[in-house]
PDB file of all heavy atoms in Angstrom:
ATOM      1  N   ALA A   1       6.960 -10.534   2.215  1.00  0.00           N
ATOM      2  CA  ALA A   1       7.137  -9.608   1.017  1.00  0.00           C
ATOM      3  C   ALA A   1       6.092  -9.989  -0.054  1.00  0.00           C
ATOM      4  O   ALA A   1       5.495  -9.082  -0.729  1.00  0.00           O
ATOM      5  CB  ALA A   1       8.504  -9.771   0.436  1.00  0.00           C
ATOM      6  N   ARG A   2       5.827 -11.347  -0.214  1.00  0.00           N
ATOM      7  CA  ARG A   2       4.835 -11.730  -1.203  1.00  0.00           C
ATOM      8  C   ARG A   2       3.460 -11.258  -0.784  1.00  0.00           C
ATOM      9  O   ARG A   2       2.646 -10.844  -1.678  1.00  0.00           O
ATOM     10  CB  ARG A   2       4.837 -13.248  -1.414  1.00  0.00           C
ATOM     11  CG  ARG A   2       6.196 -13.861  -1.740  1.00  0.00           C
ATOM     12  CD  ARG A   2       6.627 -13.586  -3.171  1.00  0.00           C
ATOM     13  NE  ARG A   2       7.169 -12.206  -3.326  1.00  0.00           N
ATOM     14  CZ  ARG A   2       8.397 -11.828  -3.035  1.00  0.00           C
ATOM     15  NH1 ARG A   2       9.237 -12.620  -2.480  1.00  0.00           N
ATOM     16  NH2 ARG A   2       8.813 -10.623  -3.323  1.00  0.00           N
ATOM     17  N   LEU A   3       3.146 -11.373   0.499  1.00  0.00           N
ATOM     18  CA  LEU A   3       1.804 -10.889   0.956  1.00  0.00           C
ATOM     19  C   LEU A   3       1.729  -9.375   0.799  1.00  0.00           C
ATOM     20  O   LEU A   3       0.636  -8.860   0.430  1.00  0.00           O
ATOM     21  CB  LEU A   3       1.607 -11.263   2.445  1.00  0.00           C
ATOM     22  CG  LEU A   3       1.442 -12.759   2.766  1.00  0.00           C
ATOM     23  CD1 LEU A   3       1.435 -13.030   4.311  1.00  0.00           C
ATOM     24  CD2 LEU A   3       0.123 -13.243   2.126  1.00  0.00           C
ATOM     25  N   ALA A   4       2.765  -8.684   1.064  1.00  0.00           N
ATOM     26  CA  ALA A   4       2.805  -7.175   0.872  1.00  0.00           C
ATOM     27  C   ALA A   4       2.476  -6.824  -0.603  1.00  0.00           C
ATOM     28  O   ALA A   4       1.766  -5.869  -0.933  1.00  0.00           O
ATOM     29  CB  ALA A   4       4.061  -6.582   1.367  1.00  0.00           C
ATOM     30  N   GLU A   5       3.121  -7.676  -1.516  1.00  0.00           N
ATOM     31  CA  GLU A   5       2.910  -7.352  -2.938  1.00  0.00           C
ATOM     32  C   GLU A   5       1.432  -7.560  -3.328  1.00  0.00           C
ATOM     33  O   GLU A   5       0.876  -6.860  -4.114  1.00  0.00           O
ATOM     34  CB  GLU A   5       3.772  -8.291  -3.784  1.00  0.00           C
ATOM     35  CG  GLU A   5       5.259  -7.910  -3.719  1.00  0.00           C
ATOM     36  CD  GLU A   5       6.168  -8.876  -4.514  1.00  0.00           C
ATOM     37  OE1 GLU A   5       5.745 -10.016  -4.706  1.00  0.00           O
ATOM     38  OE2 GLU A   5       7.274  -8.462  -4.895  1.00  0.00           O
ATOM     39  N   MET A   6       0.850  -8.591  -2.664  1.00  0.00           N
ATOM     40  CA  MET A   6      -0.580  -8.829  -2.944  1.00  0.00           C
ATOM     41  C   MET A   6      -1.459  -7.680  -2.461  1.00  0.00           C
ATOM     42  O   MET A   6      -2.431  -7.216  -3.086  1.00  0.00           O
ATOM     43  CB  MET A   6      -1.027 -10.155  -2.329  1.00  0.00           C
ATOM     44  CG  MET A   6      -0.392 -11.397  -2.853  1.00  0.00           C
ATOM     45  SD  MET A   6      -0.849 -12.903  -2.065  1.00  0.00           S
ATOM     46  CE  MET A   6      -2.605 -12.869  -2.292  1.00  0.00           C
ATOM     47  N   ASP A   7      -1.060  -7.149  -1.274  1.00  0.00           N
ATOM     48  CA  ASP A   7      -1.808  -6.018  -0.701  1.00  0.00           C
ATOM     49  C   ASP A   7      -1.748  -4.763  -1.705  1.00  0.00           C
ATOM     50  O   ASP A   7      -2.710  -4.074  -1.946  1.00  0.00           O
ATOM     51  CB  ASP A   7      -1.245  -5.601   0.627  1.00  0.00           C
ATOM     52  CG  ASP A   7      -1.593  -6.612   1.703  1.00  0.00           C
ATOM     53  OD1 ASP A   7      -2.612  -7.361   1.513  1.00  0.00           O
ATOM     54  OD2 ASP A   7      -0.939  -6.610   2.734  1.00  0.00           O
ATOM     55  N   LEU A   8      -0.538  -4.574  -2.199  1.00  0.00           N
ATOM     56  CA  LEU A   8      -0.336  -3.399  -3.122  1.00  0.00           C
ATOM     57  C   LEU A   8      -1.137  -3.615  -4.402  1.00  0.00           C
ATOM     58  O   LEU A   8      -1.637  -2.676  -5.030  1.00  0.00           O
ATOM     59  CB  LEU A   8       1.154  -3.153  -3.371  1.00  0.00           C
ATOM     60  CG  LEU A   8       2.030  -2.784  -2.197  1.00  0.00           C
ATOM     61  CD1 LEU A   8       3.464  -2.549  -2.632  1.00  0.00           C
ATOM     62  CD2 LEU A   8       1.466  -1.538  -1.493  1.00  0.00           C
ATOM     63  N   ALA A   9      -1.160  -4.925  -4.825  1.00  0.00           N
ATOM     64  CA  ALA A   9      -1.822  -5.175  -6.077  1.00  0.00           C
ATOM     65  C   ALA A   9      -3.387  -4.982  -5.955  1.00  0.00           C
ATOM     66  O   ALA A   9      -4.074  -4.816  -6.968  1.00  0.00           O
ATOM     67  CB  ALA A   9      -1.566  -6.604  -6.505  1.00  0.00           C
ATOM     68  N   THR A  10      -3.888  -5.066  -4.784  1.00  0.00           N
ATOM     69  CA  THR A  10      -5.362  -4.928  -4.565  1.00  0.00           C
ATOM     70  C   THR A  10      -5.776  -3.557  -4.050  1.00  0.00           C
ATOM     71  O   THR A  10      -6.888  -3.367  -3.570  1.00  0.00           O
ATOM     72  CB  THR A  10      -5.802  -6.023  -3.608  1.00  0.00           C
ATOM     73  OG1 THR A  10      -5.176  -5.863  -2.374  1.00  0.00           O
ATOM     74  CG2 THR A  10      -5.643  -7.390  -4.162  1.00  0.00           C
ATOM     75  N   LEU A  11      -4.874  -2.568  -4.149  1.00  0.00           N
ATOM     76  CA  LEU A  11      -5.211  -1.205  -3.715  1.00  0.00           C
ATOM     77  C   LEU A  11      -6.345  -0.672  -4.606  1.00  0.00           C
ATOM     78  O   LEU A  11      -6.446  -0.963  -5.789  1.00  0.00           O
ATOM     79  CB  LEU A  11      -4.010  -0.319  -3.827  1.00  0.00           C
ATOM     80  CG  LEU A  11      -2.902  -0.465  -2.769  1.00  0.00           C
ATOM     81  CD1 LEU A  11      -1.693   0.450  -3.117  1.00  0.00           C
ATOM     82  CD2 LEU A  11      -3.441  -0.105  -1.410  1.00  0.00           C
ATOM     83  N   PRO A  12      -7.235   0.207  -4.029  1.00  0.00           N
ATOM     84  CA  PRO A  12      -8.265   0.828  -4.864  1.00  0.00           C
ATOM     85  C   PRO A  12      -7.652   1.665  -5.963  1.00  0.00           C
ATOM     86  O   PRO A  12      -6.539   2.146  -5.890  1.00  0.00           O
ATOM     87  CB  PRO A  12      -9.005   1.716  -3.857  1.00  0.00           C
ATOM     88  CG  PRO A  12      -8.707   1.151  -2.520  1.00  0.00           C
ATOM     89  CD  PRO A  12      -7.337   0.553  -2.626  1.00  0.00           C
ATOM     90  N   ASP A  13      -8.369   1.789  -7.064  1.00  0.00           N
ATOM     91  CA  ASP A  13      -7.852   2.536  -8.212  1.00  0.00           C
ATOM     92  C   ASP A  13      -7.903   3.978  -7.958  1.00  0.00           C
ATOM     93  O   ASP A  13      -7.017   4.749  -8.476  1.00  0.00           O
ATOM     94  CB  ASP A  13      -8.749   2.227  -9.468  1.00  0.00           C
ATOM     95  CG  ASP A  13      -8.553   0.776  -9.950  1.00  0.00           C
ATOM     96  OD1 ASP A  13      -7.438   0.223  -9.622  1.00  0.00           O
ATOM     97  OD2 ASP A  13      -9.509   0.231 -10.560  1.00  0.00           O
ATOM     98  N   ASP A  14      -8.876   4.491  -7.241  1.00  0.00           N
ATOM     99  CA  ASP A  14      -8.956   5.996  -6.962  1.00  0.00           C
ATOM    100  C   ASP A  14      -7.833   6.382  -5.964  1.00  0.00           C
ATOM    101  O   ASP A  14      -7.454   5.664  -5.055  1.00  0.00           O
ATOM    102  CB  ASP A  14     -10.307   6.354  -6.423  1.00  0.00           C
ATOM    103  CG  ASP A  14     -10.626   5.775  -5.082  1.00  0.00           C
ATOM    104  OD1 ASP A  14     -10.927   4.476  -5.039  1.00  0.00           O
ATOM    105  OD2 ASP A  14     -10.479   6.465  -4.082  1.00  0.00           O
ATOM    106  N   THR A  15      -7.402   7.618  -6.197  1.00  0.00           N
ATOM    107  CA  THR A  15      -6.251   8.105  -5.430  1.00  0.00           C
ATOM    108  C   THR A  15      -6.558   8.200  -3.895  1.00  0.00           C
ATOM    109  O   THR A  15      -5.778   7.750  -3.056  1.00  0.00           O
ATOM    110  CB  THR A  15      -5.858   9.515  -5.879  1.00  0.00           C
ATOM    111  OG1 THR A  15      -5.503   9.471  -7.276  1.00  0.00           O
ATOM    112  CG2 THR A  15      -4.675  10.090  -5.124  1.00  0.00           C
ATOM    113  N   ALA A  16      -7.743   8.761  -3.572  1.00  0.00           N
ATOM    114  CA  ALA A  16      -8.117   8.895  -2.146  1.00  0.00           C
ATOM    115  C   ALA A  16      -8.173   7.556  -1.452  1.00  0.00           C
ATOM    116  O   ALA A  16      -7.802   7.328  -0.328  1.00  0.00           O
ATOM    117  CB  ALA A  16      -9.382   9.692  -2.010  1.00  0.00           C
ATOM    118  N   GLY A  17      -8.829   6.580  -2.178  1.00  0.00           N
ATOM    119  CA  GLY A  17      -8.991   5.229  -1.604  1.00  0.00           C
ATOM    120  C   GLY A  17      -7.621   4.555  -1.426  1.00  0.00           C
ATOM    121  O   GLY A  17      -7.396   3.862  -0.399  1.00  0.00           O
ATOM    122  N   ALA A  18      -6.707   4.751  -2.354  1.00  0.00           N
ATOM    123  CA  ALA A  18      -5.360   4.197  -2.197  1.00  0.00           C
ATOM    124  C   ALA A  18      -4.646   4.757  -1.016  1.00  0.00           C
ATOM    125  O   ALA A  18      -3.987   4.057  -0.220  1.00  0.00           O
ATOM    126  CB  ALA A  18      -4.583   4.335  -3.456  1.00  0.00           C
ATOM    127  N   VAL A  19      -4.719   6.091  -0.856  1.00  0.00           N
ATOM    128  CA  VAL A  19      -4.061   6.739   0.311  1.00  0.00           C
ATOM    129  C   VAL A  19      -4.633   6.209   1.587  1.00  0.00           C
ATOM    130  O   VAL A  19      -3.924   5.967   2.617  1.00  0.00           O
ATOM    131  CB  VAL A  19      -4.147   8.252   0.146  1.00  0.00           C
ATOM    132  CG1 VAL A  19      -3.695   8.936   1.462  1.00  0.00           C
ATOM    133  CG2 VAL A  19      -3.399   8.782  -1.027  1.00  0.00           C
ATOM    134  N   ARG A  20      -5.988   6.118   1.663  1.00  0.00           N
ATOM    135  CA  ARG A  20      -6.567   5.662   2.866  1.00  0.00           C
ATOM    136  C   ARG A  20      -6.223   4.189   3.189  1.00  0.00           C
ATOM    137  O   ARG A  20      -5.973   3.831   4.330  1.00  0.00           O
ATOM    138  CB  ARG A  20      -8.083   5.766   2.755  1.00  0.00           C
ATOM    139  CG  ARG A  20      -8.917   5.359   4.009  1.00  0.00           C
ATOM    140  CD  ARG A  20     -10.401   5.647   3.923  1.00  0.00           C
ATOM    141  NE  ARG A  20     -10.981   4.924   2.768  1.00  0.00           N
ATOM    142  CZ  ARG A  20     -11.324   5.458   1.646  1.00  0.00           C
ATOM    143  NH1 ARG A  20     -11.181   6.736   1.457  1.00  0.00           N
ATOM    144  NH2 ARG A  20     -11.892   4.703   0.671  1.00  0.00           N
ATOM    145  N   ALA A  21      -6.170   3.342   2.148  1.00  0.00           N
ATOM    146  CA  ALA A  21      -5.863   1.948   2.362  1.00  0.00           C
ATOM    147  C   ALA A  21      -4.422   1.755   2.805  1.00  0.00           C
ATOM    148  O   ALA A  21      -4.102   0.748   3.485  1.00  0.00           O
ATOM    149  CB  ALA A  21      -6.089   1.170   1.028  1.00  0.00           C
ATOM    150  N   LEU A  22      -3.529   2.674   2.448  1.00  0.00           N
ATOM    151  CA  LEU A  22      -2.131   2.572   2.788  1.00  0.00           C
ATOM    152  C   LEU A  22      -1.831   3.106   4.162  1.00  0.00           C
ATOM    153  O   LEU A  22      -0.651   2.984   4.614  1.00  0.00           O
ATOM    154  CB  LEU A  22      -1.238   3.227   1.767  1.00  0.00           C
ATOM    155  CG  LEU A  22      -1.133   2.577   0.387  1.00  0.00           C
ATOM    156  CD1 LEU A  22      -0.501   3.509  -0.642  1.00  0.00           C
ATOM    157  CD2 LEU A  22      -0.376   1.224   0.506  1.00  0.00           C
ATOM    158  N   ASP A  23      -2.788   3.677   4.835  1.00  0.00           N
ATOM    159  CA  ASP A  23      -2.516   4.302   6.155  1.00  0.00           C
ATOM    160  C   ASP A  23      -1.989   3.258   7.152  1.00  0.00           C
ATOM    161  O   ASP A  23      -1.046   3.582   7.881  1.00  0.00           O
ATOM    162  CB  ASP A  23      -3.826   4.959   6.670  1.00  0.00           C
ATOM    163  CG  ASP A  23      -3.509   5.783   7.921  1.00  0.00           C
ATOM    164  OD1 ASP A  23      -2.586   6.623   7.834  1.00  0.00           O
ATOM    165  OD2 ASP A  23      -4.205   5.606   8.949  1.00  0.00           O
ATOM    166  N   PRO A  24      -2.512   2.037   7.270  1.00  0.00           N
ATOM    167  CA  PRO A  24      -2.001   1.078   8.198  1.00  0.00           C
ATOM    168  C   PRO A  24      -0.838   0.233   7.652  1.00  0.00           C
ATOM    169  O   PRO A  24      -0.298  -0.652   8.293  1.00  0.00           O
ATOM    170  CB  PRO A  24      -3.165   0.122   8.562  1.00  0.00           C
ATOM    171  CG  PRO A  24      -4.040   0.194   7.299  1.00  0.00           C
ATOM    172  CD  PRO A  24      -3.813   1.543   6.683  1.00  0.00           C
ATOM    173  N   TYR A  25      -0.492   0.454   6.401  1.00  0.00           N
ATOM    174  CA  TYR A  25       0.563  -0.360   5.733  1.00  0.00           C
ATOM    175  C   TYR A  25       1.916  -0.185   6.321  1.00  0.00           C
ATOM    176  O   TYR A  25       2.297   0.933   6.683  1.00  0.00           O
ATOM    177  CB  TYR A  25       0.577  -0.083   4.217  1.00  0.00           C
ATOM    178  CG  TYR A  25       1.573  -0.877   3.450  1.00  0.00           C
ATOM    179  CD1 TYR A  25       1.262  -2.174   3.069  1.00  0.00           C
ATOM    180  CD2 TYR A  25       2.783  -0.292   3.053  1.00  0.00           C
ATOM    181  CE1 TYR A  25       2.164  -2.939   2.336  1.00  0.00           C
ATOM    182  CE2 TYR A  25       3.709  -1.020   2.302  1.00  0.00           C
ATOM    183  CZ  TYR A  25       3.408  -2.302   1.948  1.00  0.00           C
ATOM    184  OH  TYR A  25       4.337  -3.080   1.225  1.00  0.00           O
ATOM    185  N   ASP A  26       2.627  -1.336   6.518  1.00  0.00           N
ATOM    186  CA  ASP A  26       3.956  -1.308   7.067  1.00  0.00           C
ATOM    187  C   ASP A  26       4.982  -1.264   5.991  1.00  0.00           C
ATOM    188  O   ASP A  26       5.226  -2.254   5.301  1.00  0.00           O
ATOM    189  CB  ASP A  26       4.229  -2.530   7.954  1.00  0.00           C
ATOM    190  CG  ASP A  26       5.528  -2.495   8.631  1.00  0.00           C
ATOM    191  OD1 ASP A  26       6.167  -1.431   8.693  1.00  0.00           O
ATOM    192  OD2 ASP A  26       5.979  -3.556   9.170  1.00  0.00           O
ATOM    193  N   TRP A  27       5.500  -0.091   5.665  1.00  0.00           N
ATOM    194  CA  TRP A  27       6.416   0.117   4.511  1.00  0.00           C
ATOM    195  C   TRP A  27       7.732  -0.564   4.752  1.00  0.00           C
ATOM    196  O   TRP A  27       8.370  -0.474   5.838  1.00  0.00           O
ATOM    197  CB  TRP A  27       6.591   1.555   4.262  1.00  0.00           C
ATOM    198  CG  TRP A  27       5.331   2.352   3.869  1.00  0.00           C
ATOM    199  CD1 TRP A  27       4.422   2.862   4.754  1.00  0.00           C
ATOM    200  CD2 TRP A  27       4.841   2.537   2.591  1.00  0.00           C
ATOM    201  NE1 TRP A  27       3.407   3.437   4.050  1.00  0.00           N
ATOM    202  CE2 TRP A  27       3.604   3.246   2.698  1.00  0.00           C
ATOM    203  CE3 TRP A  27       5.307   2.219   1.306  1.00  0.00           C
ATOM    204  CZ2 TRP A  27       2.864   3.630   1.594  1.00  0.00           C
ATOM    205  CZ3 TRP A  27       4.591   2.608   0.201  1.00  0.00           C
ATOM    206  CH2 TRP A  27       3.350   3.262   0.333  1.00  0.00           C
ATOM    207  N   ARG A  28       8.256  -1.218   3.760  1.00  0.00           N
ATOM    208  CA  ARG A  28       9.577  -1.788   3.780  1.00  0.00           C
ATOM    209  C   ARG A  28      10.668  -0.825   3.301  1.00  0.00           C
ATOM    210  O   ARG A  28      11.777  -0.822   3.811  1.00  0.00           O
ATOM    211  CB  ARG A  28       9.651  -3.076   2.898  1.00  0.00           C
ATOM    212  CG  ARG A  28       8.753  -4.214   3.325  1.00  0.00           C
ATOM    213  CD  ARG A  28       9.397  -4.965   4.529  1.00  0.00           C
ATOM    214  NE  ARG A  28       8.722  -6.242   4.754  1.00  0.00           N
ATOM    215  CZ  ARG A  28       9.086  -7.398   4.296  1.00  0.00           C
ATOM    216  NH1 ARG A  28      10.164  -7.487   3.494  1.00  0.00           N
ATOM    217  NH2 ARG A  28       8.433  -8.489   4.563  1.00  0.00           N
ATOM    218  N   SER A  29      10.281   0.007   2.381  1.00  0.00           N
ATOM    219  CA  SER A  29      11.248   0.971   1.764  1.00  0.00           C
ATOM    220  C   SER A  29      11.240   2.249   2.587  1.00  0.00           C
ATOM    221  O   SER A  29      10.151   2.891   2.666  1.00  0.00           O
ATOM    222  CB  SER A  29      10.844   1.179   0.308  1.00  0.00           C
ATOM    223  OG  SER A  29      11.590   2.348  -0.193  1.00  0.00           O
ATOM    224  N   PRO A  30      12.353   2.668   3.105  1.00  0.00           N
ATOM    225  CA  PRO A  30      12.444   3.956   3.823  1.00  0.00           C
ATOM    226  C   PRO A  30      12.031   5.120   2.865  1.00  0.00           C
ATOM    227  O   PRO A  30      11.400   6.063   3.323  1.00  0.00           O
ATOM    228  CB  PRO A  30      13.866   4.058   4.278  1.00  0.00           C
ATOM    229  CG  PRO A  30      14.371   2.630   4.298  1.00  0.00           C
ATOM    230  CD  PRO A  30      13.668   1.924   3.201  1.00  0.00           C
ATOM    231  N   GLU A  31      12.456   5.005   1.597  1.00  0.00           N
ATOM    232  CA  GLU A  31      12.128   6.084   0.709  1.00  0.00           C
ATOM    233  C   GLU A  31      10.697   6.157   0.434  1.00  0.00           C
ATOM    234  O   GLU A  31      10.065   7.247   0.433  1.00  0.00           O
ATOM    235  CB  GLU A  31      12.890   5.836  -0.608  1.00  0.00           C
ATOM    236  CG  GLU A  31      12.604   6.885  -1.710  1.00  0.00           C
ATOM    237  CD  GLU A  31      13.143   6.514  -3.087  1.00  0.00           C
ATOM    238  OE1 GLU A  31      13.915   5.553  -3.132  1.00  0.00           O
ATOM    239  OE2 GLU A  31      12.825   7.197  -4.034  1.00  0.00           O
ATOM    240  N   ALA A  32      10.051   5.017   0.293  1.00  0.00           N
ATOM    241  CA  ALA A  32       8.578   4.991   0.065  1.00  0.00           C
ATOM    242  C   ALA A  32       7.842   5.508   1.309  1.00  0.00           C
ATOM    243  O   ALA A  32       6.845   6.235   1.185  1.00  0.00           O
ATOM    244  CB  ALA A  32       8.122   3.549  -0.317  1.00  0.00           C
ATOM    245  N   ARG A  33       8.293   5.065   2.489  1.00  0.00           N
ATOM    246  CA  ARG A  33       7.651   5.556   3.703  1.00  0.00           C
ATOM    247  C   ARG A  33       7.720   7.076   3.818  1.00  0.00           C
ATOM    248  O   ARG A  33       6.740   7.750   4.165  1.00  0.00           O
ATOM    249  CB  ARG A  33       8.323   4.921   4.961  1.00  0.00           C
ATOM    250  CG  ARG A  33       7.660   5.326   6.299  1.00  0.00           C
ATOM    251  CD  ARG A  33       8.455   4.805   7.461  1.00  0.00           C
ATOM    252  NE  ARG A  33       8.563   3.344   7.425  1.00  0.00           N
ATOM    253  CZ  ARG A  33       7.608   2.542   7.852  1.00  0.00           C
ATOM    254  NH1 ARG A  33       6.506   3.023   8.424  1.00  0.00           N
ATOM    255  NH2 ARG A  33       7.768   1.195   7.783  1.00  0.00           N
TER     256      ARG A  33
END
């Protein structure tokens, strides 16, 4: 969970970059997924 928080904290600022970076991310929250 701490590593996942670090991943989220380093997401690109731009919207498109953030969406692309989250493509392989393993979501913990069903609502967020």
